Amino acid sequence: QVQLVESGGGLVQAGGSLRLSCAASGTFFSINAMAWYRQAPGKQRELVAGITSGGNTNYADAGKGRFTISRDNAKNTVYLQMTSLKPEDTAVYFCNAVAERWSLATLKEYDYWGQGTQVTVSS
């Protein structure tokens, strides 16, 4: 199994910054893509940003220019640096990872989620 533990959420004023971290642990061959999603009350979960094991990134329009995703492959950790935060960024932020694990002598990809961390931006 793979566990994802997020940290770094909290309450911040509009215009402020936060840095989220997500560390993967457990039994796996490798961690491939990692991503951050968020879910605001009454809304569907949406992609915020993603990053491949090679460092290629993609961002949803809402975070472009304000959010930066990065990862430390040696630590199996992904980060989300958020700046110029707005009240509409308020949501629970979830870490997602695609891990390769051995299954009957075959490497297979599995999808894992963290428990979420609350980000609240006050106006």
PDB file of N, CA and C in Angstrom:
ATOM      1  N   GLN A   1       0.830  -1.195   0.000  1.00  0.00           N
ATOM      2  CA  GLN A   1       0.000   0.000   0.000  1.00  0.00           C
ATOM      3  C   GLN A   1       0.864   1.245   0.000  1.00  0.00           C
ATOM      4  N   VAL A   2       0.250   2.357  -0.363  1.00  0.00           N
ATOM      5  CA  VAL A   2       0.933   3.647  -0.396  1.00  0.00           C
ATOM      6  C   VAL A   2       0.129   4.637   0.434  1.00  0.00           C
ATOM      7  N   GLN A   3       0.811   5.360   1.288  1.00  0.00           N
ATOM      8  CA  GLN A   3       0.160   6.398   2.086  1.00  0.00           C
ATOM      9  C   GLN A   3       0.668   7.765   1.639  1.00  0.00           C
ATOM     10  N   LEU A   4      -0.253   8.699   1.539  1.00  0.00           N
ATOM     11  CA  LEU A   4       0.079  10.086   1.209  1.00  0.00           C
ATOM     12  C   LEU A   4      -0.324  10.957   2.385  1.00  0.00           C
ATOM     13  N   VAL A   5       0.614  11.707   2.896  1.00  0.00           N
ATOM     14  CA  VAL A   5       0.346  12.569   4.035  1.00  0.00           C
ATOM     15  C   VAL A   5       0.605  14.016   3.644  1.00  0.00           C
ATOM     16  N   GLU A   6      -0.460  14.822   3.689  1.00  0.00           N
ATOM     17  CA  GLU A   6      -0.354  16.232   3.331  1.00  0.00           C
ATOM     18  C   GLU A   6      -0.134  17.076   4.577  1.00  0.00           C
ATOM     19  N   SER A   7       0.484  18.213   4.371  1.00  0.00           N
ATOM     20  CA  SER A   7       0.661  19.177   5.447  1.00  0.00           C
ATOM     21  C   SER A   7       0.793  20.566   4.837  1.00  0.00           C
ATOM     22  N   GLY A   8       0.640  21.578   5.675  1.00  0.00           N
ATOM     23  CA  GLY A   8       0.872  22.943   5.227  1.00  0.00           C
ATOM     24  C   GLY A   8      -0.366  23.787   5.038  1.00  0.00           C
ATOM     25  N   GLY A   9      -1.540  23.192   5.178  1.00  0.00           N
ATOM     26  CA  GLY A   9      -2.748  23.981   5.028  1.00  0.00           C
ATOM     27  C   GLY A   9      -2.945  24.914   6.214  1.00  0.00           C
ATOM     28  N   GLY A  10      -3.944  25.774   6.109  1.00  0.00           N
ATOM     29  CA  GLY A  10      -4.225  26.685   7.210  1.00  0.00           C
ATOM     30  C   GLY A  10      -5.053  27.864   6.774  1.00  0.00           C
ATOM     31  N   LEU A  11      -5.097  28.850   7.658  1.00  0.00           N
ATOM     32  CA  LEU A  11      -5.857  30.086   7.409  1.00  0.00           C
ATOM     33  C   LEU A  11      -4.881  31.188   7.036  1.00  0.00           C
ATOM     34  N   VAL A  12      -5.195  31.884   5.949  1.00  0.00           N
ATOM     35  CA  VAL A  12      -4.326  32.960   5.482  1.00  0.00           C
ATOM     36  C   VAL A  12      -5.193  34.079   4.935  1.00  0.00           C
ATOM     37  N   GLN A  13      -4.704  35.293   5.008  1.00  0.00           N
ATOM     38  CA  GLN A  13      -5.436  36.421   4.452  1.00  0.00           C
ATOM     39  C   GLN A  13      -5.245  36.481   2.940  1.00  0.00           C
ATOM     40  N   ALA A  14      -6.197  37.083   2.284  1.00  0.00           N
ATOM     41  CA  ALA A  14      -6.090  37.267   0.840  1.00  0.00           C
ATOM     42  C   ALA A  14      -4.779  37.985   0.504  1.00  0.00           C
ATOM     43  N   GLY A  15      -4.127  37.496  -0.541  1.00  0.00           N
ATOM     44  CA  GLY A  15      -2.837  38.035  -0.921  1.00  0.00           C
ATOM     45  C   GLY A  15      -1.668  37.302  -0.307  1.00  0.00           C
ATOM     46  N   GLY A  16      -1.949  36.446   0.647  1.00  0.00           N
ATOM     47  CA  GLY A  16      -0.893  35.713   1.335  1.00  0.00           C
ATOM     48  C   GLY A  16      -0.451  34.471   0.575  1.00  0.00           C
ATOM     49  N   SER A  17       0.445  33.719   1.207  1.00  0.00           N
ATOM     50  CA  SER A  17       1.021  32.534   0.583  1.00  0.00           C
ATOM     51  C   SER A  17       0.955  31.337   1.531  1.00  0.00           C
ATOM     52  N   LEU A  18       0.923  30.174   0.944  1.00  0.00           N
ATOM     53  CA  LEU A  18       1.006  28.920   1.684  1.00  0.00           C
ATOM     54  C   LEU A  18       1.790  27.925   0.843  1.00  0.00           C
ATOM     55  N   ARG A  19       2.460  26.989   1.528  1.00  0.00           N
ATOM     56  CA  ARG A  19       3.157  25.920   0.833  1.00  0.00           C
ATOM     57  C   ARG A  19       2.646  24.591   1.357  1.00  0.00           C
ATOM     58  N   LEU A  20       2.056  23.815   0.474  1.00  0.00           N
ATOM     59  CA  LEU A  20       1.568  22.491   0.832  1.00  0.00           C
ATOM     60  C   LEU A  20       2.627  21.446   0.500  1.00  0.00           C
ATOM     61  N   SER A  21       2.683  20.418   1.328  1.00  0.00           N
ATOM     62  CA  SER A  21       3.595  19.299   1.089  1.00  0.00           C
ATOM     63  C   SER A  21       2.811  18.004   1.148  1.00  0.00           C
ATOM     64  N   CYS A  22       3.283  17.028   0.403  1.00  0.00           N
ATOM     65  CA  CYS A  22       2.655  15.700   0.423  1.00  0.00           C
ATOM     66  C   CYS A  22       3.758  14.666   0.265  1.00  0.00           C
ATOM     67  N   ALA A  23       3.909  13.824   1.264  1.00  0.00           N
ATOM     68  CA  ALA A  23       4.939  12.796   1.248  1.00  0.00           C
ATOM     69  C   ALA A  23       4.317  11.421   1.056  1.00  0.00           C
ATOM     70  N   ALA A  24       4.886  10.669   0.132  1.00  0.00           N
ATOM     71  CA  ALA A  24       4.413   9.309  -0.129  1.00  0.00           C
ATOM     72  C   ALA A  24       5.301   8.316   0.593  1.00  0.00           C
ATOM     73  N   SER A  25       4.668   7.337   1.208  1.00  0.00           N
ATOM     74  CA  SER A  25       5.422   6.275   1.881  1.00  0.00           C
ATOM     75  C   SER A  25       4.704   4.957   1.678  1.00  0.00           C
ATOM     76  N   GLY A  26       5.414   3.867   1.974  1.00  0.00           N
ATOM     77  CA  GLY A  26       4.807   2.556   1.828  1.00  0.00           C
ATOM     78  C   GLY A  26       5.628   1.679   0.900  1.00  0.00           C
ATOM     79  N   THR A  27       4.958   0.741   0.281  1.00  0.00           N
ATOM     80  CA  THR A  27       5.629  -0.213  -0.593  1.00  0.00           C
ATOM     81  C   THR A  27       5.263   0.068  -2.043  1.00  0.00           C
ATOM     82  N   PHE A  28       6.253   0.468  -2.814  1.00  0.00           N
ATOM     83  CA  PHE A  28       6.018   0.726  -4.228  1.00  0.00           C
ATOM     84  C   PHE A  28       7.331   0.661  -4.973  1.00  0.00           C
ATOM     85  N   PHE A  29       7.241   0.459  -6.287  1.00  0.00           N
ATOM     86  CA  PHE A  29       8.428   0.438  -7.132  1.00  0.00           C
ATOM     87  C   PHE A  29       8.860   1.850  -7.475  1.00  0.00           C
ATOM     88  N   SER A  30       7.875   2.680  -7.827  1.00  0.00           N
ATOM     89  CA  SER A  30       8.162   4.068  -8.155  1.00  0.00           C
ATOM     90  C   SER A  30       6.895   4.896  -8.033  1.00  0.00           C
ATOM     91  N   ILE A  31       7.093   6.207  -7.876  1.00  0.00           N
ATOM     92  CA  ILE A  31       5.983   7.146  -7.913  1.00  0.00           C
ATOM     93  C   ILE A  31       6.057   7.870  -9.252  1.00  0.00           C
ATOM     94  N   ASN A  32       5.048   7.750 -10.043  1.00  0.00           N
ATOM     95  CA  ASN A  32       5.044   8.415 -11.350  1.00  0.00           C
ATOM     96  C   ASN A  32       4.446   9.803 -11.213  1.00  0.00           C
ATOM     97  N   ALA A  33       3.317  10.070 -11.819  1.00  0.00           N
ATOM     98  CA  ALA A  33       2.733  11.407 -11.744  1.00  0.00           C
ATOM     99  C   ALA A  33       2.222  11.704 -10.338  1.00  0.00           C
ATOM    100  N   MET A  34       2.348  12.954  -9.949  1.00  0.00           N
ATOM    101  CA  MET A  34       1.770  13.444  -8.705  1.00  0.00           C
ATOM    102  C   MET A  34       0.991  14.703  -9.026  1.00  0.00           C
ATOM    103  N   ALA A  35       0.007  14.994  -8.216  1.00  0.00           N
ATOM    104  CA  ALA A  35      -0.840  16.142  -8.517  1.00  0.00           C
ATOM    105  C   ALA A  35      -1.517  16.651  -7.251  1.00  0.00           C
ATOM    106  N   TRP A  36      -1.991  17.858  -7.355  1.00  0.00           N
ATOM    107  CA  TRP A  36      -2.835  18.461  -6.322  1.00  0.00           C
ATOM    108  C   TRP A  36      -4.213  18.725  -6.930  1.00  0.00           C
ATOM    109  N   TYR A  37      -5.230  18.343  -6.169  1.00  0.00           N
ATOM    110  CA  TYR A  37      -6.608  18.651  -6.497  1.00  0.00           C
ATOM    111  C   TYR A  37      -7.185  19.457  -5.341  1.00  0.00           C
ATOM    112  N   ARG A  38      -8.324  20.072  -5.591  1.00  0.00           N
ATOM    113  CA  ARG A  38      -9.022  20.758  -4.511  1.00  0.00           C
ATOM    114  C   ARG A  38     -10.526  20.587  -4.673  1.00  0.00           C
ATOM    115  N   GLN A  39     -11.197  20.684  -3.534  1.00  0.00           N
ATOM    116  CA  GLN A  39     -12.653  20.574  -3.534  1.00  0.00           C
ATOM    117  C   GLN A  39     -13.217  21.607  -2.579  1.00  0.00           C
ATOM    118  N   ALA A  40     -13.967  22.534  -3.133  1.00  0.00           N
ATOM    119  CA  ALA A  40     -14.646  23.553  -2.331  1.00  0.00           C
ATOM    120  C   ALA A  40     -16.024  23.033  -1.945  1.00  0.00           C
ATOM    121  N   PRO A  41     -16.612  23.562  -0.879  1.00  0.00           N
ATOM    122  CA  PRO A  41     -17.939  23.104  -0.449  1.00  0.00           C
ATOM    123  C   PRO A  41     -18.961  23.206  -1.569  1.00  0.00           C
ATOM    124  N   GLY A  42     -19.668  22.110  -1.815  1.00  0.00           N
ATOM    125  CA  GLY A  42     -20.704  22.110  -2.829  1.00  0.00           C
ATOM    126  C   GLY A  42     -20.208  22.011  -4.248  1.00  0.00           C
ATOM    127  N   LYS A  43     -18.904  21.839  -4.419  1.00  0.00           N
ATOM    128  CA  LYS A  43     -18.340  21.758  -5.769  1.00  0.00           C
ATOM    129  C   LYS A  43     -17.623  20.433  -5.977  1.00  0.00           C
ATOM    130  N   GLN A  44     -17.392  20.106  -7.233  1.00  0.00           N
ATOM    131  CA  GLN A  44     -16.670  18.887  -7.553  1.00  0.00           C
ATOM    132  C   GLN A  44     -15.174  19.088  -7.335  1.00  0.00           C
ATOM    133  N   ARG A  45     -14.495  17.980  -7.105  1.00  0.00           N
ATOM    134  CA  ARG A  45     -13.036  18.032  -6.977  1.00  0.00           C
ATOM    135  C   ARG A  45     -12.458  18.406  -8.337  1.00  0.00           C
ATOM    136  N   GLU A  46     -11.462  19.292  -8.317  1.00  0.00           N
ATOM    137  CA  GLU A  46     -10.866  19.754  -9.563  1.00  0.00           C
ATOM    138  C   GLU A  46      -9.347  19.724  -9.478  1.00  0.00           C
ATOM    139  N   LEU A  47      -8.723  19.529 -10.617  1.00  0.00           N
ATOM    140  CA  LEU A  47      -7.271  19.531 -10.692  1.00  0.00           C
ATOM    141  C   LEU A  47      -6.744  20.943 -10.467  1.00  0.00           C
ATOM    142  N   VAL A  48      -5.693  21.045  -9.676  1.00  0.00           N
ATOM    143  CA  VAL A  48      -5.000  22.320  -9.478  1.00  0.00           C
ATOM    144  C   VAL A  48      -3.720  22.332 -10.297  1.00  0.00           C
ATOM    145  N   ALA A  49      -2.903  21.294 -10.134  1.00  0.00           N
ATOM    146  CA  ALA A  49      -1.636  21.207 -10.859  1.00  0.00           C
ATOM    147  C   ALA A  49      -1.123  19.781 -10.808  1.00  0.00           C
ATOM    148  N   GLY A  50      -0.352  19.393 -11.821  1.00  0.00           N
ATOM    149  CA  GLY A  50       0.233  18.063 -11.860  1.00  0.00           C
ATOM    150  C   GLY A  50       1.682  18.124 -12.278  1.00  0.00           C
ATOM    151  N   ILE A  51       2.422  17.069 -11.939  1.00  0.00           N
ATOM    152  CA  ILE A  51       3.838  17.015 -12.293  1.00  0.00           C
ATOM    153  C   ILE A  51       4.237  15.565 -12.527  1.00  0.00           C
ATOM    154  N   THR A  52       4.985  15.331 -13.598  1.00  0.00           N
ATOM    155  CA  THR A  52       5.448  13.983 -13.897  1.00  0.00           C
ATOM    156  C   THR A  52       6.729  13.697 -13.123  1.00  0.00           C
ATOM    157  N   SER A  53       7.170  12.458 -13.178  1.00  0.00           N
ATOM    158  CA  SER A  53       8.414  12.101 -12.498  1.00  0.00           C
ATOM    159  C   SER A  53       9.601  12.817 -13.129  1.00  0.00           C
ATOM    160  N   GLY A  54       9.460  13.204 -14.381  1.00  0.00           N
ATOM    161  CA  GLY A  54      10.525  13.931 -15.073  1.00  0.00           C
ATOM    162  C   GLY A  54      10.474  15.428 -14.867  1.00  0.00           C
ATOM    163  N   GLY A  55       9.446  15.905 -14.175  1.00  0.00           N
ATOM    164  CA  GLY A  55       9.362  17.326 -13.858  1.00  0.00           C
ATOM    165  C   GLY A  55       8.478  18.145 -14.774  1.00  0.00           C
ATOM    166  N   ASN A  56       7.822  17.515 -15.725  1.00  0.00           N
ATOM    167  CA  ASN A  56       6.896  18.270 -16.568  1.00  0.00           C
ATOM    168  C   ASN A  56       5.659  18.628 -15.760  1.00  0.00           C
ATOM    169  N   THR A  57       5.218  19.860 -15.895  1.00  0.00           N
ATOM    170  CA  THR A  57       4.106  20.353 -15.086  1.00  0.00           C
ATOM    171  C   THR A  57       2.934  20.806 -15.945  1.00  0.00           C
ATOM    172  N   ASN A  58       1.766  20.805 -15.338  1.00  0.00           N
ATOM    173  CA  ASN A  58       0.585  21.385 -15.964  1.00  0.00           C
ATOM    174  C   ASN A  58      -0.264  22.019 -14.878  1.00  0.00           C
ATOM    175  N   TYR A  59      -0.949  23.078 -15.219  1.00  0.00           N
ATOM    176  CA  TYR A  59      -1.730  23.838 -14.253  1.00  0.00           C
ATOM    177  C   TYR A  59      -3.127  24.104 -14.781  1.00  0.00           C
ATOM    178  N   ALA A  60      -4.078  24.091 -13.868  1.00  0.00           N
ATOM    179  CA  ALA A  60      -5.405  24.570 -14.206  1.00  0.00           C
ATOM    180  C   ALA A  60      -5.341  26.087 -14.317  1.00  0.00           C
ATOM    181  N   ASP A  61      -6.262  26.649 -15.079  1.00  0.00           N
ATOM    182  CA  ASP A  61      -6.248  28.090 -15.305  1.00  0.00           C
ATOM    183  C   ASP A  61      -6.311  28.886 -13.992  1.00  0.00           C
ATOM    184  N   ALA A  62      -7.027  28.370 -13.005  1.00  0.00           N
ATOM    185  CA  ALA A  62      -7.228  29.116 -11.766  1.00  0.00           C
ATOM    186  C   ALA A  62      -5.926  29.412 -11.037  1.00  0.00           C
ATOM    187  N   GLY A  63      -4.927  28.547 -11.211  1.00  0.00           N
ATOM    188  CA  GLY A  63      -3.685  28.720 -10.464  1.00  0.00           C
ATOM    189  C   GLY A  63      -2.506  29.198 -11.286  1.00  0.00           C
ATOM    190  N   LYS A  64      -2.682  29.317 -12.580  1.00  0.00           N
ATOM    191  CA  LYS A  64      -1.566  29.721 -13.439  1.00  0.00           C
ATOM    192  C   LYS A  64      -1.030  31.089 -13.032  1.00  0.00           C
ATOM    193  N   GLY A  65       0.285  31.153 -12.902  1.00  0.00           N
ATOM    194  CA  GLY A  65       0.921  32.405 -12.520  1.00  0.00           C
ATOM    195  C   GLY A  65       0.956  32.644 -11.030  1.00  0.00           C
ATOM    196  N   ARG A  66       0.204  31.876 -10.268  1.00  0.00           N
ATOM    197  CA  ARG A  66       0.179  32.064  -8.810  1.00  0.00           C
ATOM    198  C   ARG A  66       0.680  30.832  -8.064  1.00  0.00           C
ATOM    199  N   PHE A  67       0.440  29.652  -8.622  1.00  0.00           N
ATOM    200  CA  PHE A  67       0.801  28.398  -7.960  1.00  0.00           C
ATOM    201  C   PHE A  67       1.978  27.748  -8.694  1.00  0.00           C
ATOM    202  N   THR A  68       2.842  27.104  -7.929  1.00  0.00           N
ATOM    203  CA  THR A  68       3.957  26.374  -8.496  1.00  0.00           C
ATOM    204  C   THR A  68       4.020  24.992  -7.867  1.00  0.00           C
ATOM    205  N   ILE A  69       3.986  23.966  -8.721  1.00  0.00           N
ATOM    206  CA  ILE A  69       4.116  22.595  -8.236  1.00  0.00           C
ATOM    207  C   ILE A  69       5.549  22.137  -8.460  1.00  0.00           C
ATOM    208  N   SER A  70       6.082  21.408  -7.504  1.00  0.00           N
ATOM    209  CA  SER A  70       7.426  20.862  -7.626  1.00  0.00           C
ATOM    210  C   SER A  70       7.485  19.548  -6.864  1.00  0.00           C
ATOM    211  N   ARG A  71       8.559  18.814  -7.059  1.00  0.00           N
ATOM    212  CA  ARG A  71       8.676  17.545  -6.341  1.00  0.00           C
ATOM    213  C   ARG A  71      10.132  17.231  -6.060  1.00  0.00           C
ATOM    214  N   ASP A  72      10.321  16.443  -5.025  1.00  0.00           N
ATOM    215  CA  ASP A  72      11.635  15.921  -4.667  1.00  0.00           C
ATOM    216  C   ASP A  72      11.526  14.411  -4.795  1.00  0.00           C
ATOM    217  N   ASN A  73      12.045  13.872  -5.879  1.00  0.00           N
ATOM    218  CA  ASN A  73      11.894  12.436  -6.130  1.00  0.00           C
ATOM    219  C   ASN A  73      12.612  11.588  -5.078  1.00  0.00           C
ATOM    220  N   ALA A  74      13.704  12.094  -4.555  1.00  0.00           N
ATOM    221  CA  ALA A  74      14.435  11.339  -3.538  1.00  0.00           C
ATOM    222  C   ALA A  74      13.612  11.194  -2.265  1.00  0.00           C
ATOM    223  N   LYS A  75      12.737  12.149  -2.010  1.00  0.00           N
ATOM    224  CA  LYS A  75      11.896  12.114  -0.812  1.00  0.00           C
ATOM    225  C   LYS A  75      10.470  11.694  -1.131  1.00  0.00           C
ATOM    226  N   ASN A  76      10.194  11.413  -2.396  1.00  0.00           N
ATOM    227  CA  ASN A  76       8.821  11.061  -2.814  1.00  0.00           C
ATOM    228  C   ASN A  76       7.820  12.079  -2.298  1.00  0.00           C
ATOM    229  N   THR A  77       8.167  13.325  -2.459  1.00  0.00           N
ATOM    230  CA  THR A  77       7.360  14.414  -1.925  1.00  0.00           C
ATOM    231  C   THR A  77       7.032  15.414  -3.026  1.00  0.00           C
ATOM    232  N   VAL A  78       5.801  15.880  -3.002  1.00  0.00           N
ATOM    233  CA  VAL A  78       5.362  16.906  -3.934  1.00  0.00           C
ATOM    234  C   VAL A  78       4.950  18.125  -3.137  1.00  0.00           C
ATOM    235  N   TYR A  79       5.197  19.288  -3.711  1.00  0.00           N
ATOM    236  CA  TYR A  79       4.896  20.557  -3.051  1.00  0.00           C
ATOM    237  C   TYR A  79       3.977  21.390  -3.933  1.00  0.00           C
ATOM    238  N   LEU A  80       3.226  22.267  -3.281  1.00  0.00           N
ATOM    239  CA  LEU A  80       2.443  23.254  -4.013  1.00  0.00           C
ATOM    240  C   LEU A  80       2.659  24.592  -3.321  1.00  0.00           C
ATOM    241  N   GLN A  81       3.398  25.466  -3.982  1.00  0.00           N
ATOM    242  CA  GLN A  81       3.596  26.820  -3.477  1.00  0.00           C
ATOM    243  C   GLN A  81       2.487  27.687  -4.031  1.00  0.00           C
ATOM    244  N   MET A  82       1.712  28.275  -3.134  1.00  0.00           N
ATOM    245  CA  MET A  82       0.582  29.101  -3.541  1.00  0.00           C
ATOM    246  C   MET A  82       0.833  30.535  -3.094  1.00  0.00           C
ATOM    247  N   THR A  83       0.736  31.457  -4.018  1.00  0.00           N
ATOM    248  CA  THR A  83       0.932  32.868  -3.724  1.00  0.00           C
ATOM    249  C   THR A  83      -0.289  33.659  -4.185  1.00  0.00           C
ATOM    250  N   SER A  84      -0.354  34.898  -3.752  1.00  0.00           N
ATOM    251  CA  SER A  84      -1.479  35.781  -4.125  1.00  0.00           C
ATOM    252  C   SER A  84      -2.808  35.067  -3.948  1.00  0.00           C
ATOM    253  N   LEU A  85      -2.980  34.450  -2.810  1.00  0.00           N
ATOM    254  CA  LEU A  85      -4.171  33.647  -2.566  1.00  0.00           C
ATOM    255  C   LEU A  85      -5.422  34.520  -2.527  1.00  0.00           C
ATOM    256  N   LYS A  86      -6.511  33.938  -3.022  1.00  0.00           N
ATOM    257  CA  LYS A  86      -7.795  34.614  -3.085  1.00  0.00           C
ATOM    258  C   LYS A  86      -8.815  33.829  -2.264  1.00  0.00           C
ATOM    259  N   PRO A  87      -9.869  34.481  -1.810  1.00  0.00           N
ATOM    260  CA  PRO A  87     -10.913  33.746  -1.069  1.00  0.00           C
ATOM    261  C   PRO A  87     -11.460  32.562  -1.865  1.00  0.00           C
ATOM    262  N   GLU A  88     -11.505  32.669  -3.172  1.00  0.00           N
ATOM    263  CA  GLU A  88     -12.030  31.565  -3.986  1.00  0.00           C
ATOM    264  C   GLU A  88     -11.081  30.371  -4.048  1.00  0.00           C
ATOM    265  N   ASP A  89      -9.879  30.509  -3.511  1.00  0.00           N
ATOM    266  CA  ASP A  89      -8.969  29.367  -3.397  1.00  0.00           C
ATOM    267  C   ASP A  89      -9.292  28.509  -2.174  1.00  0.00           C
ATOM    268  N   THR A  90     -10.215  28.965  -1.354  1.00  0.00           N
ATOM    269  CA  THR A  90     -10.605  28.208  -0.167  1.00  0.00           C
ATOM    270  C   THR A  90     -11.177  26.856  -0.562  1.00  0.00           C
ATOM    271  N   ALA A  91     -10.596  25.802  -0.025  1.00  0.00           N
ATOM    272  CA  ALA A  91     -11.006  24.441  -0.379  1.00  0.00           C
ATOM    273  C   ALA A  91     -10.191  23.454   0.447  1.00  0.00           C
ATOM    274  N   VAL A  92     -10.583  22.194   0.370  1.00  0.00           N
ATOM    275  CA  VAL A  92      -9.733  21.123   0.863  1.00  0.00           C
ATOM    276  C   VAL A  92      -8.843  20.699  -0.296  1.00  0.00           C
ATOM    277  N   TYR A  93      -7.559  20.676  -0.050  1.00  0.00           N
ATOM    278  CA  TYR A  93      -6.589  20.333  -1.083  1.00  0.00           C
ATOM    279  C   TYR A  93      -6.130  18.893  -0.877  1.00  0.00           C
ATOM    280  N   PHE A  94      -6.210  18.109  -1.940  1.00  0.00           N
ATOM    281  CA  PHE A  94      -5.872  16.697  -1.889  1.00  0.00           C
ATOM    282  C   PHE A  94      -4.650  16.415  -2.755  1.00  0.00           C
ATOM    283  N   CYS A  95      -3.789  15.576  -2.239  1.00  0.00           N
ATOM    284  CA  CYS A  95      -2.640  15.090  -2.980  1.00  0.00           C
ATOM    285  C   CYS A  95      -3.029  13.793  -3.690  1.00  0.00           C
ATOM    286  N   ASN A  96      -2.546  13.640  -4.908  1.00  0.00           N
ATOM    287  CA  ASN A  96      -2.794  12.420  -5.677  1.00  0.00           C
ATOM    288  C   ASN A  96      -1.471  11.917  -6.223  1.00  0.00           C
ATOM    289  N   ALA A  97      -1.307  10.601  -6.206  1.00  0.00           N
ATOM    290  CA  ALA A  97      -0.075  10.014  -6.742  1.00  0.00           C
ATOM    291  C   ALA A  97      -0.406   8.732  -7.491  1.00  0.00           C
ATOM    292  N   VAL A  98       0.311   8.538  -8.572  1.00  0.00           N
ATOM    293  CA  VAL A  98       0.210   7.290  -9.330  1.00  0.00           C
ATOM    294  C   VAL A  98       1.485   6.507  -9.034  1.00  0.00           C
ATOM    295  N   ALA A  99       1.316   5.374  -8.391  1.00  0.00           N
ATOM    296  CA  ALA A  99       2.456   4.569  -7.977  1.00  0.00           C
ATOM    297  C   ALA A  99       2.488   3.252  -8.739  1.00  0.00           C
ATOM    298  N   GLU A 100       3.695   2.833  -9.047  1.00  0.00           N
ATOM    299  CA  GLU A 100       3.866   1.519  -9.652  1.00  0.00           C
ATOM    300  C   GLU A 100       4.183   0.508  -8.545  1.00  0.00           C
ATOM    301  N   ARG A 101       3.451  -0.615  -8.559  1.00  0.00           N
ATOM    302  CA  ARG A 101       3.663  -1.671  -7.590  1.00  0.00           C
ATOM    303  C   ARG A 101       3.662  -3.000  -8.313  1.00  0.00           C
ATOM    304  N   TRP A 102       4.397  -3.947  -7.755  1.00  0.00           N
ATOM    305  CA  TRP A 102       4.428  -5.280  -8.323  1.00  0.00           C
ATOM    306  C   TRP A 102       3.135  -6.017  -7.980  1.00  0.00           C
ATOM    307  N   SER A 103       2.583  -6.646  -8.979  1.00  0.00           N
ATOM    308  CA  SER A 103       1.389  -7.467  -8.793  1.00  0.00           C
ATOM    309  C   SER A 103       1.553  -8.709  -9.655  1.00  0.00           C
ATOM    310  N   LEU A 104       1.808  -9.849  -9.005  1.00  0.00           N
ATOM    311  CA  LEU A 104       1.990 -11.114  -9.720  1.00  0.00           C
ATOM    312  C   LEU A 104       3.063 -10.973 -10.801  1.00  0.00           C
ATOM    313  N   ALA A 105       4.210 -10.488 -10.403  1.00  0.00           N
ATOM    314  CA  ALA A 105       5.383 -10.363 -11.278  1.00  0.00           C
ATOM    315  C   ALA A 105       5.184  -9.339 -12.385  1.00  0.00           C
ATOM    316  N   THR A 106       4.174  -8.512 -12.265  1.00  0.00           N
ATOM    317  CA  THR A 106       3.923  -7.473 -13.265  1.00  0.00           C
ATOM    318  C   THR A 106       3.818  -6.131 -12.561  1.00  0.00           C
ATOM    319  N   LEU A 107       4.448  -5.122 -13.142  1.00  0.00           N
ATOM    320  CA  LEU A 107       4.315  -3.783 -12.597  1.00  0.00           C
ATOM    321  C   LEU A 107       3.001  -3.175 -13.054  1.00  0.00           C
ATOM    322  N   LYS A 108       2.238  -2.693 -12.088  1.00  0.00           N
ATOM    323  CA  LYS A 108       0.972  -2.062 -12.420  1.00  0.00           C
ATOM    324  C   LYS A 108       0.895  -0.699 -11.749  1.00  0.00           C
ATOM    325  N   GLU A 109       0.125   0.189 -12.347  1.00  0.00           N
ATOM    326  CA  GLU A 109      -0.063   1.513 -11.768  1.00  0.00           C
ATOM    327  C   GLU A 109      -1.324   1.546 -10.908  1.00  0.00           C
ATOM    328  N   TYR A 110      -1.190   2.197  -9.784  1.00  0.00           N
ATOM    329  CA  TYR A 110      -2.318   2.349  -8.861  1.00  0.00           C
ATOM    330  C   TYR A 110      -2.429   3.826  -8.493  1.00  0.00           C
ATOM    331  N   ASP A 111      -3.640   4.247  -8.227  1.00  0.00           N
ATOM    332  CA  ASP A 111      -3.953   5.637  -7.931  1.00  0.00           C
ATOM    333  C   ASP A 111      -4.213   5.791  -6.432  1.00  0.00           C
ATOM    334  N   TYR A 112      -3.572   6.761  -5.818  1.00  0.00           N
ATOM    335  CA  TYR A 112      -3.728   6.966  -4.377  1.00  0.00           C
ATOM    336  C   TYR A 112      -4.058   8.427  -4.075  1.00  0.00           C
ATOM    337  N   TRP A 113      -4.772   8.619  -2.957  1.00  0.00           N
ATOM    338  CA  TRP A 113      -5.176   9.958  -2.516  1.00  0.00           C
ATOM    339  C   TRP A 113      -4.779  10.177  -1.062  1.00  0.00           C
ATOM    340  N   GLY A 114      -4.433  11.407  -0.762  1.00  0.00           N
ATOM    341  CA  GLY A 114      -4.228  11.786   0.624  1.00  0.00           C
ATOM    342  C   GLY A 114      -5.553  12.115   1.282  1.00  0.00           C
ATOM    343  N   GLN A 115      -5.489  12.437   2.576  1.00  0.00           N
ATOM    344  CA  GLN A 115      -6.709  12.684   3.340  1.00  0.00           C
ATOM    345  C   GLN A 115      -7.212  14.113   3.174  1.00  0.00           C
ATOM    346  N   GLY A 116      -6.385  14.968   2.615  1.00  0.00           N
ATOM    347  CA  GLY A 116      -6.786  16.358   2.382  1.00  0.00           C
ATOM    348  C   GLY A 116      -6.310  17.293   3.467  1.00  0.00           C
ATOM    349  N   THR A 117      -6.051  18.531   3.070  1.00  0.00           N
ATOM    350  CA  THR A 117      -5.676  19.567   4.027  1.00  0.00           C
ATOM    351  C   THR A 117      -6.468  20.824   3.692  1.00  0.00           C
ATOM    352  N   GLN A 118      -7.016  21.445   4.727  1.00  0.00           N
ATOM    353  CA  GLN A 118      -7.891  22.598   4.536  1.00  0.00           C
ATOM    354  C   GLN A 118      -7.070  23.856   4.296  1.00  0.00           C
ATOM    355  N   VAL A 119      -7.433  24.590   3.266  1.00  0.00           N
ATOM    356  CA  VAL A 119      -6.876  25.916   2.996  1.00  0.00           C
ATOM    357  C   VAL A 119      -8.033  26.906   3.036  1.00  0.00           C
ATOM    358  N   THR A 120      -7.937  27.893   3.908  1.00  0.00           N
ATOM    359  CA  THR A 120      -8.971  28.912   4.035  1.00  0.00           C
ATOM    360  C   THR A 120      -8.334  30.274   3.819  1.00  0.00           C
ATOM    361  N   VAL A 121      -8.872  31.019   2.866  1.00  0.00           N
ATOM    362  CA  VAL A 121      -8.360  32.350   2.561  1.00  0.00           C
ATOM    363  C   VAL A 121      -9.424  33.365   2.938  1.00  0.00           C
ATOM    364  N   SER A 122      -9.101  34.228   3.876  1.00  0.00           N
ATOM    365  CA  SER A 122     -10.056  35.231   4.329  1.00  0.00           C
ATOM    366  C   SER A 122      -9.890  36.526   3.529  1.00  0.00           C
ATOM    367  N   SER A 123     -11.005  37.213   3.366  1.00  0.00           N
ATOM    368  CA  SER A 123     -10.965  38.468   2.584  1.00  0.00           C
ATOM    369  C   SER A 123     -10.674  39.662   3.461  1.00  0.00           C
TER     370      SER A 123
END
